[in-house]
Amino acid sequence: MPKPEETDIETEFDAQDYAAEGADAPPTDMTEAEIEALRAERDELRDRFMRALADAENSRKRAERDRREAENYGGSKLARDMLPVYDNLSRALEVIAEDQREANKALIEGVELTQRELLNVFSRHGIVRVVPEIGDRFDPLIHQAMFEAPVPDTKAGDIIQVMTVGFMLHDRLLRPAQVGVSSTPAG
C-alpha cells in the first residue's frame, strides 16, 4: 500500500517539472536558425546511429564467419601433421611382396584396417583425398609437379606418375598431390 506522503511528493514534483519546462505552452521563442541547428544535430545523430547499427551487424557477421572458419579449418594443422601417418601406412602396404601376404595376413589386415579408420576419421572432419590418375591433366591448384620428363604418346602437361596423393580440407588444399608431368615429347 503506497504511503500518501510519497504519492503527493511525486505529483508535486511532476507538476513543478512541467511548469518549469513550459510543457503547456508550445516553444514559440525558437528562431529558425535554432530549429535548423536542431534538425542538423538530429540528422547527424541519426547518421551516427545508423553507422553504429551497421558496424554492429558487420561485427556479428564477421564473428559468425570466424566461428564457421574455426569450426571447419581449426584442425588443419593437426590434419596436416596426420598426413605422414597415412603416407607411411600406404608405403607399408605397397612394399609387401605377394609371398609375404599369406604369411603375415593378420598383420597386413591390421595395417589396412588402421589406414581405413584413419580415412574414415579424415572423412568425418571434411578431409578428402586428391587422387590423380596417370593421364590426367596437371592442375597447379591441386597438384605439385615434382619433375618433368618427355614421354612418348603423351601431351605436355599430362600426369605420368603419382608419388603421393593430396588432401583437401573442405574447400582448402591441405597438401597438393605430388606428381610427375610430361613435357613436350621428344620428336
N, C-alpha and C. Protein backbone atom coordinates (compact mmCIF):
# COMPACT_ATOMS: atom_id res chain seq x y z
N MET A 1 0.85 -1.17 0.00
CA MET A 1 0.00 0.00 0.00
C MET A 1 0.90 1.24 0.00
N PRO A 2 0.78 2.15 -0.98
CA PRO A 2 1.65 3.32 -1.04
C PRO A 2 1.33 4.29 0.07
N LYS A 3 2.38 4.93 0.53
CA LYS A 3 2.20 5.94 1.56
C LYS A 3 1.71 7.21 0.90
N PRO A 4 0.75 7.90 1.50
CA PRO A 4 0.20 9.11 0.88
C PRO A 4 1.25 10.20 0.72
N GLU A 5 2.23 10.26 1.61
CA GLU A 5 3.24 11.31 1.53
C GLU A 5 4.06 11.18 0.25
N GLU A 6 4.47 9.92 -0.11
CA GLU A 6 5.30 9.71 -1.30
C GLU A 6 4.54 10.06 -2.56
N THR A 7 3.28 9.68 -2.65
CA THR A 7 2.47 9.97 -3.82
C THR A 7 2.31 11.47 -4.00
N ASP A 8 2.08 12.20 -2.93
CA ASP A 8 1.92 13.65 -3.01
C ASP A 8 3.21 14.30 -3.47
N ILE A 9 4.35 13.82 -3.00
CA ILE A 9 5.63 14.41 -3.38
C ILE A 9 5.88 14.19 -4.86
N GLU A 10 5.62 12.95 -5.37
CA GLU A 10 5.83 12.67 -6.79
C GLU A 10 4.94 13.54 -7.65
N THR A 11 3.69 13.69 -7.29
CA THR A 11 2.75 14.51 -8.06
C THR A 11 3.20 15.96 -8.05
N GLU A 12 3.61 16.44 -6.90
CA GLU A 12 4.07 17.80 -6.78
C GLU A 12 5.30 18.04 -7.64
N PHE A 13 6.26 17.06 -7.64
CA PHE A 13 7.50 17.18 -8.41
C PHE A 13 7.20 17.22 -9.90
N ASP A 14 6.30 16.31 -10.37
CA ASP A 14 5.94 16.27 -11.78
C ASP A 14 5.30 17.58 -12.23
N ALA A 15 4.44 18.12 -11.42
CA ALA A 15 3.78 19.39 -11.77
C ALA A 15 4.80 20.51 -11.85
N GLN A 16 5.77 20.52 -10.95
CA GLN A 16 6.79 21.56 -10.98
C GLN A 16 7.65 21.43 -12.24
N ASP A 17 8.00 20.18 -12.63
CA ASP A 17 8.81 19.96 -13.84
C ASP A 17 8.11 20.49 -15.06
N TYR A 18 6.84 20.17 -15.22
CA TYR A 18 6.10 20.61 -16.39
C TYR A 18 5.96 22.12 -16.41
N ALA A 19 5.74 22.70 -15.26
CA ALA A 19 5.60 24.15 -15.20
C ALA A 19 6.92 24.82 -15.54
N ALA A 20 8.03 24.27 -15.04
CA ALA A 20 9.35 24.86 -15.29
C ALA A 20 9.72 24.74 -16.77
N GLU A 21 9.37 23.63 -17.40
CA GLU A 21 9.72 23.43 -18.80
C GLU A 21 8.76 24.12 -19.74
N GLY A 22 7.67 24.55 -19.25
CA GLY A 22 6.68 25.19 -20.10
C GLY A 22 6.01 24.18 -21.01
N ALA A 23 5.66 23.01 -20.47
CA ALA A 23 5.11 21.93 -21.26
C ALA A 23 3.75 22.29 -21.85
N ASP A 24 3.02 23.19 -21.21
CA ASP A 24 1.69 23.53 -21.71
C ASP A 24 1.78 24.49 -22.88
N ALA A 25 2.80 25.29 -22.93
CA ALA A 25 2.92 26.28 -23.99
C ALA A 25 3.90 25.77 -25.05
N PRO A 26 3.55 25.90 -26.32
CA PRO A 26 4.47 25.46 -27.38
C PRO A 26 5.69 26.37 -27.43
N PRO A 27 6.87 25.85 -27.80
CA PRO A 27 8.09 26.66 -27.84
C PRO A 27 8.07 27.60 -29.06
N THR A 28 7.54 28.80 -28.87
CA THR A 28 7.44 29.76 -29.98
C THR A 28 8.61 30.71 -30.02
N ASP A 29 9.43 30.71 -28.98
CA ASP A 29 10.53 31.66 -28.93
C ASP A 29 11.79 31.13 -29.62
N MET A 30 11.74 29.96 -30.33
CA MET A 30 12.90 29.42 -31.05
C MET A 30 13.00 30.08 -32.42
N THR A 31 14.19 30.44 -32.78
CA THR A 31 14.40 31.06 -34.09
C THR A 31 14.55 29.97 -35.14
N GLU A 32 14.46 30.37 -36.38
CA GLU A 32 14.60 29.42 -37.49
C GLU A 32 16.00 28.82 -37.49
N ALA A 33 17.01 29.57 -37.12
CA ALA A 33 18.39 29.08 -37.06
C ALA A 33 18.53 27.99 -36.00
N GLU A 34 17.88 28.18 -34.85
CA GLU A 34 17.93 27.18 -33.79
C GLU A 34 17.23 25.89 -34.22
N ILE A 35 16.11 26.05 -34.90
CA ILE A 35 15.38 24.87 -35.40
C ILE A 35 16.24 24.12 -36.41
N GLU A 36 16.88 24.87 -37.29
CA GLU A 36 17.74 24.26 -38.30
C GLU A 36 18.94 23.56 -37.65
N ALA A 37 19.49 24.15 -36.60
CA ALA A 37 20.60 23.54 -35.87
C ALA A 37 20.15 22.23 -35.21
N LEU A 38 18.95 22.22 -34.65
CA LEU A 38 18.41 21.00 -34.04
C LEU A 38 18.18 19.92 -35.09
N ARG A 39 17.70 20.32 -36.27
CA ARG A 39 17.50 19.35 -37.36
C ARG A 39 18.84 18.76 -37.80
N ALA A 40 19.86 19.61 -37.92
CA ALA A 40 21.18 19.14 -38.32
C ALA A 40 21.74 18.18 -37.27
N GLU A 41 21.55 18.53 -35.99
CA GLU A 41 22.02 17.65 -34.92
C GLU A 41 21.27 16.32 -34.96
N ARG A 42 19.96 16.39 -35.20
CA ARG A 42 19.15 15.18 -35.30
C ARG A 42 19.64 14.31 -36.46
N ASP A 43 19.89 14.92 -37.60
CA ASP A 43 20.37 14.16 -38.76
C ASP A 43 21.73 13.54 -38.50
N GLU A 44 22.61 14.29 -37.83
CA GLU A 44 23.94 13.76 -37.50
C GLU A 44 23.82 12.57 -36.55
N LEU A 45 22.97 12.71 -35.54
CA LEU A 45 22.78 11.61 -34.58
C LEU A 45 22.16 10.39 -35.26
N ARG A 46 21.22 10.63 -36.17
CA ARG A 46 20.60 9.53 -36.90
C ARG A 46 21.66 8.82 -37.75
N ASP A 47 22.53 9.60 -38.42
CA ASP A 47 23.60 9.03 -39.24
C ASP A 47 24.56 8.21 -38.37
N ARG A 48 24.95 8.76 -37.23
CA ARG A 48 25.86 8.04 -36.33
C ARG A 48 25.21 6.76 -35.82
N PHE A 49 23.92 6.83 -35.52
CA PHE A 49 23.20 5.66 -35.06
C PHE A 49 23.16 4.57 -36.14
N MET A 50 22.87 4.98 -37.38
CA MET A 50 22.80 4.01 -38.48
C MET A 50 24.18 3.38 -38.72
N ARG A 51 25.24 4.20 -38.63
CA ARG A 51 26.58 3.66 -38.81
C ARG A 51 26.93 2.68 -37.68
N ALA A 52 26.56 3.03 -36.46
CA ALA A 52 26.82 2.13 -35.33
C ALA A 52 26.04 0.83 -35.49
N LEU A 53 24.82 0.93 -35.98
CA LEU A 53 24.00 -0.26 -36.22
C LEU A 53 24.63 -1.12 -37.31
N ALA A 54 25.11 -0.49 -38.37
CA ALA A 54 25.77 -1.23 -39.46
C ALA A 54 27.07 -1.88 -38.95
N ASP A 55 27.84 -1.15 -38.14
CA ASP A 55 29.06 -1.71 -37.58
C ASP A 55 28.76 -2.92 -36.71
N ALA A 56 27.71 -2.84 -35.91
CA ALA A 56 27.33 -3.96 -35.05
C ALA A 56 26.93 -5.17 -35.90
N GLU A 57 26.19 -4.94 -36.97
CA GLU A 57 25.77 -6.03 -37.86
C GLU A 57 26.99 -6.64 -38.55
N ASN A 58 27.91 -5.80 -39.01
CA ASN A 58 29.14 -6.31 -39.64
C ASN A 58 29.97 -7.12 -38.65
N SER A 59 30.05 -6.65 -37.42
CA SER A 59 30.78 -7.39 -36.38
C SER A 59 30.14 -8.74 -36.12
N ARG A 60 28.82 -8.77 -36.10
CA ARG A 60 28.10 -10.02 -35.88
C ARG A 60 28.39 -11.00 -37.03
N LYS A 61 28.33 -10.50 -38.26
CA LYS A 61 28.60 -11.35 -39.42
C LYS A 61 30.05 -11.84 -39.42
N ARG A 62 30.98 -10.96 -39.09
CA ARG A 62 32.40 -11.32 -39.05
C ARG A 62 32.64 -12.40 -37.99
N ALA A 63 32.01 -12.22 -36.84
CA ALA A 63 32.16 -13.21 -35.76
C ALA A 63 31.59 -14.56 -36.18
N GLU A 64 30.46 -14.54 -36.87
CA GLU A 64 29.84 -15.78 -37.35
C GLU A 64 30.75 -16.46 -38.38
N ARG A 65 31.31 -15.66 -39.31
CA ARG A 65 32.22 -16.21 -40.31
C ARG A 65 33.47 -16.78 -39.64
N ASP A 66 34.02 -16.07 -38.66
CA ASP A 66 35.20 -16.55 -37.94
C ASP A 66 34.90 -17.84 -37.18
N ARG A 67 33.71 -17.93 -36.61
CA ARG A 67 33.31 -19.14 -35.89
C ARG A 67 33.22 -20.32 -36.85
N ARG A 68 32.60 -20.08 -38.03
CA ARG A 68 32.49 -21.16 -39.02
C ARG A 68 33.88 -21.60 -39.51
N GLU A 69 34.75 -20.63 -39.77
CA GLU A 69 36.10 -20.97 -40.22
C GLU A 69 36.87 -21.74 -39.16
N ALA A 70 36.73 -21.33 -37.92
CA ALA A 70 37.41 -22.04 -36.84
C ALA A 70 36.87 -23.47 -36.73
N GLU A 71 35.57 -23.62 -36.91
CA GLU A 71 34.97 -24.95 -36.85
C GLU A 71 35.45 -25.82 -38.01
N ASN A 72 35.48 -25.25 -39.22
CA ASN A 72 35.86 -26.03 -40.40
C ASN A 72 37.36 -26.22 -40.55
N TYR A 73 38.13 -25.20 -40.22
CA TYR A 73 39.56 -25.23 -40.55
C TYR A 73 40.47 -25.17 -39.31
N GLY A 74 39.89 -25.16 -38.13
CA GLY A 74 40.68 -25.05 -36.91
C GLY A 74 41.64 -26.22 -36.71
N GLY A 75 41.29 -27.38 -37.21
CA GLY A 75 42.14 -28.55 -37.03
C GLY A 75 43.07 -28.81 -38.20
N SER A 76 43.28 -27.81 -39.05
CA SER A 76 44.08 -28.05 -40.25
C SER A 76 45.53 -28.38 -39.93
N LYS A 77 46.07 -27.79 -38.88
CA LYS A 77 47.45 -28.09 -38.52
C LYS A 77 47.57 -29.55 -38.07
N LEU A 78 46.65 -30.01 -37.23
CA LEU A 78 46.65 -31.40 -36.81
C LEU A 78 46.46 -32.32 -38.01
N ALA A 79 45.55 -31.95 -38.90
CA ALA A 79 45.30 -32.77 -40.08
C ALA A 79 46.57 -32.88 -40.93
N ARG A 80 47.25 -31.76 -41.13
CA ARG A 80 48.50 -31.76 -41.90
C ARG A 80 49.54 -32.67 -41.23
N ASP A 81 49.57 -32.64 -39.92
CA ASP A 81 50.52 -33.48 -39.19
C ASP A 81 50.18 -34.97 -39.27
N MET A 82 48.92 -35.29 -39.55
CA MET A 82 48.50 -36.69 -39.65
C MET A 82 48.72 -37.27 -41.05
N LEU A 83 48.94 -36.44 -42.05
CA LEU A 83 49.11 -36.94 -43.41
C LEU A 83 50.31 -37.89 -43.56
N PRO A 84 51.45 -37.64 -42.90
CA PRO A 84 52.54 -38.61 -43.00
C PRO A 84 52.18 -39.98 -42.43
N VAL A 85 51.27 -40.04 -41.48
CA VAL A 85 50.82 -41.33 -40.95
C VAL A 85 50.14 -42.12 -42.07
N TYR A 86 49.26 -41.43 -42.81
CA TYR A 86 48.60 -42.08 -43.94
C TYR A 86 49.65 -42.53 -44.96
N ASP A 87 50.60 -41.64 -45.28
CA ASP A 87 51.64 -41.97 -46.26
C ASP A 87 52.44 -43.21 -45.83
N ASN A 88 52.81 -43.27 -44.57
CA ASN A 88 53.60 -44.41 -44.07
C ASN A 88 52.80 -45.71 -44.12
N LEU A 89 51.52 -45.64 -43.78
CA LEU A 89 50.68 -46.84 -43.88
C LEU A 89 50.57 -47.29 -45.34
N SER A 90 50.41 -46.35 -46.24
CA SER A 90 50.32 -46.68 -47.68
C SER A 90 51.61 -47.30 -48.17
N ARG A 91 52.73 -46.72 -47.81
CA ARG A 91 54.03 -47.27 -48.24
C ARG A 91 54.23 -48.68 -47.67
N ALA A 92 53.85 -48.88 -46.43
CA ALA A 92 54.00 -50.19 -45.81
C ALA A 92 53.19 -51.24 -46.58
N LEU A 93 51.98 -50.88 -47.00
CA LEU A 93 51.14 -51.84 -47.74
C LEU A 93 51.66 -52.06 -49.16
N GLU A 94 52.27 -51.04 -49.75
CA GLU A 94 52.78 -51.17 -51.13
C GLU A 94 54.00 -52.07 -51.23
N VAL A 95 54.83 -52.13 -50.23
CA VAL A 95 56.09 -52.88 -50.33
C VAL A 95 55.96 -54.35 -49.95
N ILE A 96 54.79 -54.77 -49.55
CA ILE A 96 54.61 -56.17 -49.14
C ILE A 96 54.60 -57.05 -50.39
N ALA A 97 55.51 -58.00 -50.42
CA ALA A 97 55.58 -58.95 -51.54
C ALA A 97 54.43 -59.94 -51.43
N GLU A 98 54.05 -60.49 -52.58
CA GLU A 98 52.90 -61.41 -52.63
C GLU A 98 53.13 -62.63 -51.74
N ASP A 99 54.33 -63.16 -51.70
CA ASP A 99 54.59 -64.34 -50.88
C ASP A 99 54.53 -64.03 -49.38
N GLN A 100 54.73 -62.76 -49.01
CA GLN A 100 54.65 -62.37 -47.60
C GLN A 100 53.20 -62.14 -47.16
N ARG A 101 52.33 -61.91 -48.11
CA ARG A 101 50.93 -61.61 -47.77
C ARG A 101 50.28 -62.75 -46.99
N GLU A 102 50.48 -63.96 -47.44
CA GLU A 102 49.84 -65.10 -46.77
C GLU A 102 50.43 -65.34 -45.40
N ALA A 103 51.75 -65.21 -45.28
CA ALA A 103 52.41 -65.49 -44.00
C ALA A 103 52.09 -64.43 -42.95
N ASN A 104 51.84 -63.20 -43.37
CA ASN A 104 51.57 -62.10 -42.43
C ASN A 104 50.17 -61.52 -42.61
N LYS A 105 49.23 -62.39 -42.90
CA LYS A 105 47.87 -61.96 -43.23
C LYS A 105 47.23 -61.11 -42.13
N ALA A 106 47.33 -61.54 -40.89
CA ALA A 106 46.71 -60.81 -39.78
C ALA A 106 47.34 -59.43 -39.60
N LEU A 107 48.66 -59.36 -39.70
CA LEU A 107 49.36 -58.08 -39.56
C LEU A 107 48.95 -57.13 -40.68
N ILE A 108 48.90 -57.64 -41.90
CA ILE A 108 48.53 -56.80 -43.05
C ILE A 108 47.10 -56.32 -42.91
N GLU A 109 46.20 -57.19 -42.47
CA GLU A 109 44.80 -56.77 -42.27
C GLU A 109 44.72 -55.67 -41.21
N GLY A 110 45.53 -55.79 -40.18
CA GLY A 110 45.55 -54.76 -39.13
C GLY A 110 46.01 -53.41 -39.67
N VAL A 111 47.04 -53.43 -40.51
CA VAL A 111 47.53 -52.18 -41.11
C VAL A 111 46.46 -51.60 -42.05
N GLU A 112 45.81 -52.45 -42.83
CA GLU A 112 44.75 -51.99 -43.75
C GLU A 112 43.57 -51.40 -42.97
N LEU A 113 43.19 -52.06 -41.89
CA LEU A 113 42.10 -51.54 -41.06
C LEU A 113 42.47 -50.20 -40.43
N THR A 114 43.71 -50.07 -39.99
CA THR A 114 44.17 -48.81 -39.41
C THR A 114 44.11 -47.70 -40.45
N GLN A 115 44.56 -47.99 -41.66
CA GLN A 115 44.52 -46.99 -42.72
C GLN A 115 43.07 -46.61 -43.06
N ARG A 116 42.20 -47.60 -43.14
CA ARG A 116 40.78 -47.31 -43.42
C ARG A 116 40.15 -46.47 -42.32
N GLU A 117 40.47 -46.77 -41.06
CA GLU A 117 39.93 -45.99 -39.95
C GLU A 117 40.45 -44.55 -40.00
N LEU A 118 41.71 -44.38 -40.34
CA LEU A 118 42.26 -43.04 -40.49
C LEU A 118 41.52 -42.28 -41.58
N LEU A 119 41.24 -42.92 -42.70
CA LEU A 119 40.48 -42.27 -43.78
C LEU A 119 39.06 -41.95 -43.34
N ASN A 120 38.44 -42.82 -42.53
CA ASN A 120 37.09 -42.55 -42.01
C ASN A 120 37.10 -41.32 -41.09
N VAL A 121 38.12 -41.22 -40.25
CA VAL A 121 38.24 -40.06 -39.36
C VAL A 121 38.44 -38.81 -40.21
N PHE A 122 39.32 -38.89 -41.21
CA PHE A 122 39.51 -37.76 -42.12
C PHE A 122 38.18 -37.35 -42.74
N SER A 123 37.44 -38.31 -43.23
CA SER A 123 36.16 -38.03 -43.89
C SER A 123 35.17 -37.35 -42.95
N ARG A 124 35.10 -37.81 -41.71
CA ARG A 124 34.18 -37.19 -40.74
C ARG A 124 34.52 -35.73 -40.50
N HIS A 125 35.77 -35.37 -40.70
CA HIS A 125 36.20 -34.00 -40.45
C HIS A 125 36.39 -33.19 -41.74
N GLY A 126 35.86 -33.70 -42.85
CA GLY A 126 35.88 -32.95 -44.10
C GLY A 126 37.18 -33.04 -44.88
N ILE A 127 38.01 -34.02 -44.57
CA ILE A 127 39.28 -34.19 -45.27
C ILE A 127 39.10 -35.29 -46.32
N VAL A 128 39.35 -34.93 -47.58
CA VAL A 128 39.21 -35.91 -48.67
C VAL A 128 40.51 -35.99 -49.46
N ARG A 129 40.75 -37.16 -50.03
CA ARG A 129 41.96 -37.38 -50.81
C ARG A 129 41.82 -36.78 -52.21
N VAL A 130 42.92 -36.30 -52.73
CA VAL A 130 43.03 -35.86 -54.12
C VAL A 130 43.90 -36.91 -54.79
N VAL A 131 43.27 -37.80 -55.56
CA VAL A 131 43.99 -38.92 -56.15
C VAL A 131 43.99 -38.77 -57.67
N PRO A 132 45.04 -38.18 -58.22
CA PRO A 132 45.10 -38.05 -59.69
C PRO A 132 45.42 -39.40 -60.34
N GLU A 133 44.99 -39.54 -61.56
CA GLU A 133 45.28 -40.76 -62.34
C GLU A 133 46.32 -40.42 -63.40
N ILE A 134 47.09 -41.40 -63.79
CA ILE A 134 48.05 -41.21 -64.87
C ILE A 134 47.26 -40.87 -66.13
N GLY A 135 47.68 -39.82 -66.80
CA GLY A 135 46.98 -39.35 -67.99
C GLY A 135 46.11 -38.14 -67.73
N ASP A 136 45.77 -37.86 -66.46
CA ASP A 136 45.01 -36.65 -66.12
C ASP A 136 45.84 -35.42 -66.45
N ARG A 137 45.17 -34.30 -66.63
CA ARG A 137 45.87 -33.04 -66.87
C ARG A 137 46.39 -32.49 -65.55
N PHE A 138 47.57 -31.93 -65.60
CA PHE A 138 48.18 -31.30 -64.42
C PHE A 138 47.39 -30.04 -64.06
N ASP A 139 46.99 -29.92 -62.80
CA ASP A 139 46.27 -28.74 -62.31
C ASP A 139 47.10 -28.14 -61.18
N PRO A 140 47.70 -26.97 -61.40
CA PRO A 140 48.57 -26.39 -60.38
C PRO A 140 47.85 -26.02 -59.08
N LEU A 141 46.52 -26.00 -59.11
CA LEU A 141 45.77 -25.69 -57.89
C LEU A 141 45.71 -26.87 -56.93
N ILE A 142 45.85 -28.09 -57.45
CA ILE A 142 45.75 -29.27 -56.58
C ILE A 142 46.92 -30.24 -56.75
N HIS A 143 47.80 -29.97 -57.71
CA HIS A 143 48.95 -30.85 -57.95
C HIS A 143 50.25 -30.06 -57.76
N GLN A 144 51.29 -30.77 -57.39
CA GLN A 144 52.63 -30.20 -57.32
C GLN A 144 53.52 -31.03 -58.24
N ALA A 145 54.11 -30.39 -59.24
CA ALA A 145 54.98 -31.09 -60.19
C ALA A 145 56.33 -31.32 -59.52
N MET A 146 56.71 -32.58 -59.39
CA MET A 146 57.99 -32.93 -58.77
C MET A 146 59.09 -33.06 -59.81
N PHE A 147 58.70 -33.41 -61.03
CA PHE A 147 59.65 -33.48 -62.14
C PHE A 147 58.88 -33.39 -63.44
N GLU A 148 59.62 -33.15 -64.50
CA GLU A 148 59.04 -33.07 -65.83
C GLU A 148 59.92 -33.93 -66.74
N ALA A 149 59.31 -34.75 -67.57
CA ALA A 149 60.08 -35.62 -68.46
C ALA A 149 59.33 -35.82 -69.76
N PRO A 150 60.04 -35.92 -70.87
CA PRO A 150 59.38 -36.21 -72.15
C PRO A 150 59.01 -37.70 -72.21
N VAL A 151 57.75 -37.97 -72.46
CA VAL A 151 57.28 -39.35 -72.54
C VAL A 151 56.51 -39.50 -73.85
N PRO A 152 56.88 -40.49 -74.66
CA PRO A 152 56.16 -40.69 -75.93
C PRO A 152 54.68 -40.96 -75.69
N ASP A 153 53.87 -40.60 -76.65
CA ASP A 153 52.41 -40.81 -76.64
C ASP A 153 51.70 -40.07 -75.50
N THR A 154 52.27 -38.96 -75.06
CA THR A 154 51.60 -38.10 -74.07
C THR A 154 51.66 -36.67 -74.56
N LYS A 155 50.82 -35.86 -74.00
CA LYS A 155 50.83 -34.42 -74.30
C LYS A 155 51.54 -33.70 -73.16
N ALA A 156 52.09 -32.56 -73.46
CA ALA A 156 52.71 -31.75 -72.41
C ALA A 156 51.65 -31.41 -71.38
N GLY A 157 51.98 -31.61 -70.09
CA GLY A 157 51.04 -31.31 -69.02
C GLY A 157 50.24 -32.51 -68.53
N ASP A 158 50.43 -33.67 -69.15
CA ASP A 158 49.77 -34.89 -68.67
C ASP A 158 50.53 -35.43 -67.47
N ILE A 159 49.80 -35.99 -66.53
CA ILE A 159 50.43 -36.63 -65.36
C ILE A 159 50.95 -37.99 -65.80
N ILE A 160 52.24 -38.24 -65.52
CA ILE A 160 52.85 -39.51 -65.92
C ILE A 160 53.20 -40.39 -64.72
N GLN A 161 53.20 -39.80 -63.53
CA GLN A 161 53.48 -40.59 -62.32
C GLN A 161 52.87 -39.88 -61.12
N VAL A 162 52.34 -40.66 -60.18
CA VAL A 162 51.79 -40.11 -58.94
C VAL A 162 52.67 -40.61 -57.79
N MET A 163 53.33 -39.67 -57.10
CA MET A 163 54.19 -40.05 -55.99
C MET A 163 53.40 -40.10 -54.68
N THR A 164 52.66 -39.06 -54.38
CA THR A 164 51.81 -39.05 -53.17
C THR A 164 50.47 -38.41 -53.52
N VAL A 165 49.43 -38.88 -52.87
CA VAL A 165 48.11 -38.28 -53.06
C VAL A 165 48.05 -36.98 -52.28
N GLY A 166 47.15 -36.12 -52.69
CA GLY A 166 46.95 -34.86 -51.99
C GLY A 166 45.71 -34.95 -51.11
N PHE A 167 45.48 -33.90 -50.34
CA PHE A 167 44.32 -33.87 -49.45
C PHE A 167 43.71 -32.47 -49.43
N MET A 168 42.39 -32.43 -49.38
CA MET A 168 41.63 -31.18 -49.25
C MET A 168 40.92 -31.20 -47.90
N LEU A 169 40.85 -30.06 -47.27
CA LEU A 169 40.04 -29.88 -46.06
C LEU A 169 38.90 -28.97 -46.46
N HIS A 170 37.73 -29.56 -46.61
CA HIS A 170 36.56 -28.87 -47.17
C HIS A 170 36.96 -28.32 -48.54
N ASP A 171 37.06 -27.01 -48.69
CA ASP A 171 37.40 -26.45 -50.00
C ASP A 171 38.82 -25.90 -50.04
N ARG A 172 39.62 -26.20 -49.03
CA ARG A 172 41.01 -25.72 -48.99
C ARG A 172 41.97 -26.89 -49.18
N LEU A 173 43.06 -26.60 -49.87
CA LEU A 173 44.07 -27.62 -50.11
C LEU A 173 44.97 -27.75 -48.88
N LEU A 174 45.01 -28.96 -48.32
CA LEU A 174 45.92 -29.24 -47.21
C LEU A 174 47.31 -29.56 -47.75
N ARG A 175 47.33 -30.42 -48.77
CA ARG A 175 48.59 -30.81 -49.39
C ARG A 175 48.31 -31.16 -50.84
N PRO A 176 49.10 -30.63 -51.76
CA PRO A 176 48.89 -30.99 -53.17
C PRO A 176 49.36 -32.42 -53.43
N ALA A 177 48.76 -33.04 -54.43
CA ALA A 177 49.24 -34.35 -54.86
C ALA A 177 50.57 -34.14 -55.58
N GLN A 178 51.56 -34.94 -55.25
CA GLN A 178 52.88 -34.81 -55.87
C GLN A 178 52.94 -35.73 -57.08
N VAL A 179 53.20 -35.12 -58.24
CA VAL A 179 53.12 -35.86 -59.49
C VAL A 179 54.31 -35.55 -60.39
N GLY A 180 54.54 -36.47 -61.34
CA GLY A 180 55.47 -36.22 -62.43
C GLY A 180 54.64 -35.82 -63.64
N VAL A 181 55.18 -34.88 -64.43
CA VAL A 181 54.40 -34.31 -65.54
C VAL A 181 55.19 -34.49 -66.83
N SER A 182 54.46 -34.78 -67.88
CA SER A 182 55.08 -34.93 -69.19
C SER A 182 55.42 -33.56 -69.75
N SER A 183 56.62 -33.45 -70.30
CA SER A 183 56.97 -32.25 -71.04
C SER A 183 56.69 -32.54 -72.52
N THR A 184 57.00 -31.63 -73.36
CA THR A 184 56.77 -31.88 -74.78
C THR A 184 57.56 -33.12 -75.18
N PRO A 185 56.90 -34.13 -75.74
CA PRO A 185 57.60 -35.38 -76.05
C PRO A 185 58.75 -35.17 -77.04
N ALA A 186 59.78 -35.96 -76.85
CA ALA A 186 60.93 -35.89 -77.77
C ALA A 186 60.48 -36.38 -79.14
N GLY A 187 60.89 -35.67 -80.15
CA GLY A 187 60.43 -35.97 -81.51
C GLY A 187 61.26 -36.87 -82.21
